[in-house]
Amino acid sequence: MSDPSPIGLFNYAHSFWSAGRALIQLDWEKQESHPDSPAEFLYWHSIELFLKAYLLADGVPLSKLRSPKIFGHDLSKLLTQAKARGLALTRKDEALISFMPVSKDMIALRYLKVGVKTVPTHCELEATCLSLYEIVARELQNRGINIGFHAKLVSLERG
């Protein structure tokens, strides 16, 4: 097996985002005690992968993106590096991403925790995923990376 390319990570991010949307649209929520958690994890993982796709396209080695000591699942570090390398996100997107700043929080999404916490809504997560999808797609295109069928989707999303 070979390492993923920027478009490979981008496609994978799109798949996790689409899976999160699909879960939200299902009527299975009435039968589950924690219906939001799986979709929330999928959205957050999509955000992580969109940022990593951009960074990989901009020359950050995959070994650094995977390294827990450098980036790992730390969205705060990924966002800081992406911004430093020219990724222009909205303030709203940056604020949403700040809800999940460190690796252990990203991993903790997979496990049940009891208590109250403030988290973004699915609509807010959806909006940030859409924003990252469009921005990163254009950045990949600007770097000469063929984004395939996404080129048409990106032009239709806001058109």
Protein backbone atom coordinates (compact mmCIF):
# COMPACT_ATOMS: atom_id res chain seq x y z
CA MET A 1 0.00 0.00 0.00
CA SER A 2 1.18 3.52 -0.69
CA ASP A 3 0.76 6.73 1.25
CA PRO A 4 -2.19 8.96 0.40
CA SER A 5 -1.87 11.94 -1.89
CA PRO A 6 -3.46 15.33 -1.20
CA ILE A 7 -6.45 14.41 -3.39
CA GLY A 8 -6.66 11.06 -1.62
CA LEU A 9 -6.94 12.77 1.77
CA PHE A 10 -9.37 15.29 0.28
CA ASN A 11 -11.58 12.49 -1.06
CA TYR A 12 -11.41 10.70 2.29
CA ALA A 13 -12.43 13.92 4.08
CA HIS A 14 -15.36 14.25 1.70
CA SER A 15 -16.41 10.66 2.46
CA PHE A 16 -16.41 11.23 6.23
CA TRP A 17 -18.33 14.49 5.76
CA SER A 18 -20.90 12.74 3.55
CA ALA A 19 -21.26 9.92 6.09
CA GLY A 20 -21.90 12.46 8.86
CA ARG A 21 -24.60 14.13 6.77
CA ALA A 22 -26.18 10.77 5.99
CA LEU A 23 -26.40 9.88 9.69
CA ILE A 24 -28.06 13.19 10.50
CA GLN A 25 -30.70 12.56 7.83
CA LEU A 26 -31.59 9.07 9.08
CA ASP A 27 -34.56 8.51 11.36
CA TRP A 28 -32.63 6.16 13.65
CA GLU A 29 -32.22 8.84 16.34
CA LYS A 30 -35.44 7.87 18.12
CA GLN A 31 -34.02 4.46 18.97
CA GLU A 32 -30.60 5.59 20.23
CA SER A 33 -29.48 7.13 23.50
CA HIS A 34 -26.56 9.06 21.94
CA PRO A 35 -27.49 9.66 18.29
CA ASP A 36 -25.36 12.79 17.83
CA SER A 37 -22.00 11.32 18.80
CA PRO A 38 -21.25 9.20 15.70
CA ALA A 39 -22.15 12.04 13.32
CA GLU A 40 -20.18 14.53 15.39
CA PHE A 41 -17.09 12.32 15.19
CA LEU A 42 -17.45 11.99 11.42
CA TYR A 43 -17.72 15.76 10.97
CA TRP A 44 -14.67 16.44 13.15
CA HIS A 45 -12.62 13.78 11.39
CA SER A 46 -13.58 15.31 8.05
CA ILE A 47 -12.32 18.70 9.23
CA GLU A 48 -9.03 17.13 10.31
CA LEU A 49 -8.61 15.42 6.92
CA PHE A 50 -9.44 18.56 4.91
CA LEU A 51 -6.73 20.45 6.83
CA LYS A 52 -4.25 17.61 6.32
CA ALA A 53 -5.04 17.46 2.58
CA TYR A 54 -4.20 21.15 2.29
CA LEU A 55 -1.00 20.82 4.31
CA LEU A 56 0.14 17.76 2.35
CA ALA A 57 -0.46 19.65 -0.91
CA ASP A 58 1.58 22.53 0.47
CA GLY A 59 4.58 20.32 1.15
CA VAL A 60 4.21 19.15 4.75
CA PRO A 61 5.45 15.54 4.84
CA LEU A 62 2.87 12.91 5.72
CA SER A 63 5.17 11.64 8.47
CA LYS A 64 4.85 15.02 10.23
CA LEU A 65 1.08 15.12 9.75
CA ARG A 66 0.78 11.69 11.34
CA SER A 67 3.24 12.31 14.17
CA PRO A 68 1.48 12.84 17.54
CA LYS A 69 4.43 14.98 18.63
CA ILE A 70 4.06 17.35 15.68
CA PHE A 71 0.43 17.35 14.50
CA GLY A 72 -1.39 14.05 14.99
CA HIS A 73 -5.08 14.78 15.57
CA ASP A 74 -4.48 18.25 17.04
CA LEU A 75 -6.80 20.52 15.06
CA SER A 76 -5.37 23.63 16.70
CA LYS A 77 -1.87 22.82 15.43
CA LEU A 78 -3.19 21.81 12.01
CA LEU A 79 -5.19 25.04 11.73
CA THR A 80 -2.26 27.21 12.86
CA GLN A 81 0.05 25.61 10.30
CA ALA A 82 -2.54 25.81 7.50
CA LYS A 83 -3.13 29.51 8.18
CA ALA A 84 0.63 30.14 8.30
CA ARG A 85 0.87 28.52 4.86
CA GLY A 86 -1.88 30.70 3.38
CA LEU A 87 -5.17 28.88 3.98
CA ALA A 88 -7.78 31.61 4.40
CA LEU A 89 -10.72 30.49 6.52
CA THR A 90 -13.59 32.54 7.86
CA ARG A 91 -13.55 33.67 11.48
CA LYS A 92 -16.62 31.52 12.03
CA ASP A 93 -14.78 28.42 10.79
CA GLU A 94 -11.75 29.21 12.94
CA ALA A 95 -13.97 29.69 16.00
CA LEU A 96 -15.70 26.37 15.40
CA ILE A 97 -12.40 24.53 14.97
CA SER A 98 -11.21 26.02 18.26
CA PHE A 99 -13.81 23.85 20.04
CA MET A 100 -11.60 20.82 19.33
CA PRO A 101 -8.06 22.03 19.92
CA VAL A 102 -6.04 19.00 21.06
CA SER A 103 -5.47 15.41 20.02
CA LYS A 104 -6.89 13.87 23.17
CA ASP A 105 -10.18 15.71 22.61
CA MET A 106 -10.43 14.33 19.07
CA ILE A 107 -9.84 10.79 20.30
CA ALA A 108 -12.22 11.30 23.24
CA LEU A 109 -15.10 11.75 20.78
CA ARG A 110 -15.08 7.99 20.32
CA TYR A 111 -15.76 7.27 23.98
CA LEU A 112 -18.72 7.95 26.26
CA LYS A 113 -18.24 10.75 28.77
CA VAL A 114 -20.93 11.73 31.24
CA GLY A 115 -21.64 15.39 31.88
CA VAL A 116 -22.52 18.58 30.07
CA LYS A 117 -20.35 20.24 27.47
CA THR A 118 -20.88 22.94 24.90
CA VAL A 119 -20.40 21.76 21.35
CA PRO A 120 -21.18 23.18 17.92
CA THR A 121 -24.46 22.14 16.33
CA HIS A 122 -24.60 19.81 13.36
CA CYS A 123 -25.58 22.79 11.21
CA GLU A 124 -22.44 24.65 12.32
CA LEU A 125 -20.24 21.60 11.70
CA GLU A 126 -21.89 21.15 8.30
CA ALA A 127 -21.22 24.78 7.37
CA THR A 128 -17.54 24.51 8.30
CA CYS A 129 -17.15 21.25 6.38
CA LEU A 130 -18.72 22.87 3.32
CA SER A 131 -16.45 25.88 3.69
CA LEU A 132 -13.32 23.72 4.02
CA TYR A 133 -14.45 21.57 1.10
CA GLU A 134 -14.72 24.59 -1.17
CA ILE A 135 -11.59 26.38 0.04
CA VAL A 136 -9.32 23.33 0.03
CA ALA A 137 -10.67 22.19 -3.36
CA ARG A 138 -9.72 25.54 -4.87
CA GLU A 139 -6.31 25.45 -3.18
CA LEU A 140 -5.64 21.99 -4.60
CA GLN A 141 -6.69 23.19 -8.06
CA ASN A 142 -4.41 26.24 -7.70
CA ARG A 143 -1.52 23.84 -7.06
CA GLY A 144 -2.30 21.92 -10.26
CA ILE A 145 -3.96 18.98 -8.54
CA ASN A 146 -6.84 17.47 -10.49
CA ILE A 147 -9.81 17.33 -8.12
CA GLY A 148 -11.93 15.31 -10.54
CA PHE A 149 -15.70 15.41 -10.05
CA HIS A 150 -15.27 17.83 -7.13
CA ALA A 151 -14.52 20.64 -9.61
CA LYS A 152 -18.12 20.60 -10.80
CA LEU A 153 -19.52 20.22 -7.27
CA VAL A 154 -17.48 23.13 -5.93
CA SER A 155 -18.74 25.40 -8.70
CA LEU A 156 -22.34 24.31 -8.00
CA GLU A 157 -22.26 24.53 -4.18
CA ARG A 158 -22.66 28.29 -4.06
CA GLY A 159 -23.74 28.91 -7.63
